[in-house]
C-alpha atoms as a PDB file:
ATOM      1  CA  MET A   1      94.501 136.265  51.612  1.00  0.00           C
ATOM      2  CA  GLU A   2      93.184 139.315  49.712  1.00  0.00           C
ATOM      3  CA  GLY A   3      92.629 142.548  51.144  1.00  0.00           C
ATOM      4  CA  ALA A   4      94.923 142.171  54.122  1.00  0.00           C
ATOM      5  CA  PRO A   5      98.072 143.905  53.702  1.00  0.00           C
ATOM      6  CA  GLU A   6     101.588 141.722  53.509  1.00  0.00           C
ATOM      7  CA  GLY A   7     102.275 140.214  56.743  1.00  0.00           C
ATOM      8  CA  GLU A   8      98.534 141.108  58.545  1.00  0.00           C
ATOM      9  CA  ALA A   9      95.689 139.009  59.162  1.00  0.00           C
ATOM     10  CA  PRO A  10      93.016 139.248  57.066  1.00  0.00           C
ATOM     11  CA  ALA A  11      90.008 141.318  58.870  1.00  0.00           C
ATOM     12  CA  ALA A  12      87.779 138.119  58.977  1.00  0.00           C
ATOM     13  CA  ALA A  13      89.994 135.748  60.860  1.00  0.00           C
ATOM     14  CA  LEU A  14      91.054 138.508  63.391  1.00  0.00           C
ATOM     15  CA  ALA A  15      87.064 138.658  64.378  1.00  0.00           C
ATOM     16  CA  ALA A  16      86.459 135.109  64.166  1.00  0.00           C
ATOM     17  CA  VAL A  17      89.119 134.389  66.610  1.00  0.00           C
ATOM     18  CA  LEU A  18      89.294 137.676  68.777  1.00  0.00           C
ATOM     19  CA  LYS A  19      86.414 137.759  70.686  1.00  0.00           C
ATOM     20  CA  HIS A  20      85.616 139.533  74.127  1.00  0.00           C
ATOM     21  CA  SER A  21      85.497 137.677  77.415  1.00  0.00           C
ATOM     22  CA  SER A  22      82.607 137.565  79.593  1.00  0.00           C
ATOM     23  CA  ALA A  23      82.594 136.728  83.126  1.00  0.00           C
ATOM     24  CA  LEU A  24      82.334 133.094  84.681  1.00  0.00           C
ATOM     25  CA  PRO A  25      79.281 132.552  87.287  1.00  0.00           C
ATOM     26  CA  PRO A  26      81.017 132.466  90.618  1.00  0.00           C
ATOM     27  CA  GLU A  27      79.588 128.804  91.461  1.00  0.00           C
ATOM     28  CA  SER A  28      82.053 127.745  88.243  1.00  0.00           C
ATOM     29  CA  ALA A  29      85.197 125.183  89.445  1.00  0.00           C
ATOM     30  CA  GLN A  30      88.751 126.716  88.643  1.00  0.00           C
ATOM     31  CA  VAL A  31      90.642 124.617  86.509  1.00  0.00           C
ATOM     32  CA  ARG A  32      93.457 123.145  87.594  1.00  0.00           C
ATOM     33  CA  GLY A  33      95.266 119.955  87.553  1.00  0.00           C
ATOM     34  CA  TYR A  34      96.763 118.184  90.581  1.00  0.00           C
ATOM     35  CA  ASP A  35      99.175 119.446  92.376  1.00  0.00           C
ATOM     36  CA  PHE A  36     102.409 116.549  91.994  1.00  0.00           C
ATOM     37  CA  ASN A  37     104.897 118.269  94.221  1.00  0.00           C
ATOM     38  CA  ARG A  38     102.087 117.236  97.401  1.00  0.00           C
ATOM     39  CA  GLY A  39     103.471 113.572  96.244  1.00  0.00           C
ATOM     40  CA  VAL A  40     101.449 110.790  94.655  1.00  0.00           C
ATOM     41  CA  ASP A  41      97.641 110.439  96.558  1.00  0.00           C
ATOM     42  CA  TYR A  42      95.973 108.009  93.823  1.00  0.00           C
ATOM     43  CA  ARG A  43      92.593 108.867  95.023  1.00  0.00           C
ATOM     44  CA  ALA A  44      93.509 112.611  95.118  1.00  0.00           C
ATOM     45  CA  VAL A  45      94.820 112.310  91.605  1.00  0.00           C
ATOM     46  CA  LEU A  46      91.398 111.164  90.538  1.00  0.00           C
ATOM     47  CA  GLU A  47      89.507 113.519  92.203  1.00  0.00           C
ATOM     48  CA  ALA A  48      91.647 116.063  90.527  1.00  0.00           C
ATOM     49  CA  PHE A  49      90.646 115.045  87.370  1.00  0.00           C
ATOM     50  CA  GLY A  50      87.473 117.053  88.127  1.00  0.00           C
ATOM     51  CA  THR A  51      88.815 120.189  87.576  1.00  0.00           C
ATOM     52  CA  THR A  52      91.799 119.419  85.220  1.00  0.00           C
ATOM     53  CA  GLY A  53      89.763 120.277  81.900  1.00  0.00           C
ATOM     54  CA  PHE A  54      86.822 119.371  79.316  1.00  0.00           C
ATOM     55  CA  GLN A  55      88.321 115.680  78.740  1.00  0.00           C
ATOM     56  CA  ALA A  56      89.156 115.119  82.124  1.00  0.00           C
ATOM     57  CA  THR A  57      86.753 116.559  83.884  1.00  0.00           C
ATOM     58  CA  ASN A  58      84.322 114.634  82.029  1.00  0.00           C
ATOM     59  CA  PHE A  59      86.567 111.495  82.873  1.00  0.00           C
ATOM     60  CA  GLY A  60      86.179 112.767  86.295  1.00  0.00           C
ATOM     61  CA  ARG A  61      82.215 112.609  86.065  1.00  0.00           C
ATOM     62  CA  ALA A  62      83.070 109.010  85.338  1.00  0.00           C
ATOM     63  CA  VAL A  63      85.283 108.422  88.244  1.00  0.00           C
ATOM     64  CA  HIS A  64      82.695 109.858  91.127  1.00  0.00           C
ATOM     65  CA  GLN A  65      80.140 107.370  88.825  1.00  0.00           C
ATOM     66  CA  ILE A  66      82.806 104.539  88.927  1.00  0.00           C
ATOM     67  CA  ASN A  67      82.897 104.722  92.848  1.00  0.00           C
ATOM     68  CA  ALA A  68      78.880 104.859  93.235  1.00  0.00           C
ATOM     69  CA  MET A  69      78.790 102.071  91.255  1.00  0.00           C
ATOM     70  CA  ILE A  70      80.510 100.365  93.154  1.00  0.00           C
ATOM     71  CA  GLU A  71      79.299 101.103  96.471  1.00  0.00           C
ATOM     72  CA  LYS A  72      76.536  99.665  94.778  1.00  0.00           C
ATOM     73  CA  LYS A  73      78.109  96.448  94.051  1.00  0.00           C
ATOM     74  CA  LEU A  74      79.167  95.970  97.578  1.00  0.00           C
ATOM     75  CA  GLU A  75      75.496  96.420  99.113  1.00  0.00           C
ATOM     76  CA  PRO A  76      73.901  92.636 100.305  1.00  0.00           C
ATOM     77  CA  LEU A  77      71.453  92.001  97.877  1.00  0.00           C
ATOM     78  CA  PRO A  78      68.014  91.841  98.864  1.00  0.00           C
ATOM     79  CA  GLN A  79      66.492  88.845 100.329  1.00  0.00           C
ATOM     80  CA  ASP A  80      64.278  87.910  97.000  1.00  0.00           C
ATOM     81  CA  GLU A  81      67.458  88.246  94.854  1.00  0.00           C
ATOM     82  CA  ASP A  82      69.799  86.310  97.148  1.00  0.00           C
ATOM     83  CA  GLN A  83      67.415  82.650  96.724  1.00  0.00           C
ATOM     84  CA  HIS A  84      69.265  82.165  92.990  1.00  0.00           C
ATOM     85  CA  GLU A  85      71.796  80.035  93.857  1.00  0.00           C
ATOM     86  CA  ASP A  86      74.247  81.079  90.944  1.00  0.00           C
ATOM     87  CA  LEU A  87      72.946  82.530  87.688  1.00  0.00           C
ATOM     88  CA  THR A  88      76.203  83.975  86.981  1.00  0.00           C
ATOM     89  CA  GLN A  89      77.964  82.580  83.844  1.00  0.00           C
ATOM     90  CA  SER A  90      81.457  83.558  85.503  1.00  0.00           C
ATOM     91  CA  ARG A  91      80.330  81.645  88.611  1.00  0.00           C
ATOM     92  CA  ARG A  92      81.440  84.430  90.714  1.00  0.00           C
ATOM     93  CA  PRO A  93      78.647  85.429  93.684  1.00  0.00           C
ATOM     94  CA  LEU A  94      75.462  87.482  92.952  1.00  0.00           C
ATOM     95  CA  THR A  95      75.905  91.586  93.656  1.00  0.00           C
ATOM     96  CA  GLY A  96      73.992  94.454  93.790  1.00  0.00           C
ATOM     97  CA  CYS A  97      75.445  95.376  90.564  1.00  0.00           C
ATOM     98  CA  THR A  98      76.782  94.858  87.505  1.00  0.00           C
ATOM     99  CA  ILE A  99      79.043  96.824  85.717  1.00  0.00           C
ATOM    100  CA  PHE A 100      80.342  96.678  81.938  1.00  0.00           C
ATOM    101  CA  LEU A 101      82.801  99.066  80.356  1.00  0.00           C
ATOM    102  CA  GLY A 102      82.263 101.052  77.462  1.00  0.00           C
ATOM    103  CA  TYR A 103      84.023 103.740  75.694  1.00  0.00           C
ATOM    104  CA  THR A 104      84.200 105.096  72.128  1.00  0.00           C
ATOM    105  CA  SER A 105      86.896 104.342  69.603  1.00  0.00           C
ATOM    106  CA  ASN A 106      88.983 107.743  70.369  1.00  0.00           C
ATOM    107  CA  LEU A 107      89.615 106.885  73.748  1.00  0.00           C
ATOM    108  CA  ILE A 108      92.045 103.692  72.212  1.00  0.00           C
ATOM    109  CA  SER A 109      94.004 106.475  70.663  1.00  0.00           C
ATOM    110  CA  SER A 110      93.713 108.251  73.796  1.00  0.00           C
ATOM    111  CA  GLY A 111      96.380 108.864  76.905  1.00  0.00           C
ATOM    112  CA  ILE A 112      93.859 106.496  79.173  1.00  0.00           C
ATOM    113  CA  ARG A 113      94.612 103.830  76.679  1.00  0.00           C
ATOM    114  CA  GLY A 114      96.234 101.827  79.020  1.00  0.00           C
ATOM    115  CA  CYS A 115      93.522 102.547  82.133  1.00  0.00           C
ATOM    116  CA  LEU A 116      91.216 100.452  79.565  1.00  0.00           C
ATOM    117  CA  GLY A 117      93.715  97.743  78.931  1.00  0.00           C
ATOM    118  CA  TYR A 118      94.263  97.261  82.525  1.00  0.00           C
ATOM    119  CA  HIS A 119      90.504  97.207  83.698  1.00  0.00           C
ATOM    120  CA  GLY A 120      89.533  95.395  80.563  1.00  0.00           C
ATOM    121  CA  TRP A 121      91.374  92.515  80.569  1.00  0.00           C
ATOM    122  CA  GLY A 122      94.205  93.420  82.545  1.00  0.00           C
ATOM    123  CA  ARG A 123      93.121  93.610  86.419  1.00  0.00           C
ATOM    124  CA  GLY A 124      89.376  92.462  85.713  1.00  0.00           C
ATOM    125  CA  GLY A 125      90.010  89.026  83.970  1.00  0.00           C
ATOM    126  CA  GLY A 126      87.742  87.714  81.453  1.00  0.00           C
ATOM    127  CA  SER A 127      87.366  87.121  78.328  1.00  0.00           C
ATOM    128  CA  HIS A 128      87.491  91.008  76.949  1.00  0.00           C
ATOM    129  CA  GLN A 129      90.078  92.618  75.037  1.00  0.00           C
ATOM    130  CA  VAL A 130      90.788  96.036  74.431  1.00  0.00           C
ATOM    131  CA  PRO A 131      92.633  96.635  71.054  1.00  0.00           C
ATOM    132  CA  GLY A 132      95.522  98.535  70.779  1.00  0.00           C
ATOM    133  CA  THR A 133      96.668  98.020  73.986  1.00  0.00           C
ATOM    134  CA  HIS A 134      99.540  96.808  75.769  1.00  0.00           C
ATOM    135  CA  ILE A 135     100.229  96.661  79.430  1.00  0.00           C
ATOM    136  CA  PRO A 136     103.959  95.983  80.017  1.00  0.00           C
ATOM    137  CA  GLY A 137     104.735  93.352  82.122  1.00  0.00           C
ATOM    138  CA  ARG A 138     101.136  91.168  80.891  1.00  0.00           C
ATOM    139  CA  VAL A 139     100.221  88.681  78.682  1.00  0.00           C
ATOM    140  CA  GLN A 140      97.240  88.952  76.711  1.00  0.00           C
ATOM    141  CA  PRO A 141      95.223  86.541  78.406  1.00  0.00           C
ATOM    142  CA  GLN A 142      94.113  83.489  76.058  1.00  0.00           C
ATOM    143  CA  GLY A 143      91.107  81.623  77.544  1.00  0.00           C
ATOM    144  CA  GLU A 144      88.035  82.898  80.215  1.00  0.00           C
ATOM    145  CA  GLY A 145      89.694  84.473  82.718  1.00  0.00           C
ATOM    146  CA  ALA A 146      93.307  83.958  82.310  1.00  0.00           C
ATOM    147  CA  THR A 147      95.785  87.017  82.343  1.00  0.00           C
ATOM    148  CA  ARG A 148      99.341  85.801  83.624  1.00  0.00           C
ATOM    149  CA  GLU A 149     102.798  87.818  84.195  1.00  0.00           C
ATOM    150  CA  ARG A 150     105.132  87.858  81.780  1.00  0.00           C
ATOM    151  CA  ASP A 151     108.254  85.740  82.883  1.00  0.00           C
END
């Protein structure tokens, strides 16, 4: 670049990159991941996503939201809604919450692609297909609710 002696960074680049830090509010969460030296506790691993970093923090928020949805799903239906014998296409009993999995395409190329595939069709059944996913030991379902272990 013009103006900077050879081997030195231009002043404009230094000014854009080297900024003074400011103190964070005391209530800010400290960024840290799960300590695998304590062994693997899956509940604690999911809880740790809340303080692992930007994308993991948002994933951690989603984990908390899903846990709230699961709690709601386990609640008994109100009396007036329980009157309907079966309104679902899958012939499953009605519950207090229907959970849909939605995501943006950039997550397919992320590290949680396998999680999406597992929950999209590997575990949950149904005819959902998650493009670009492969779960070892599983065969892509061929029909409604079909999953099977690979031989």
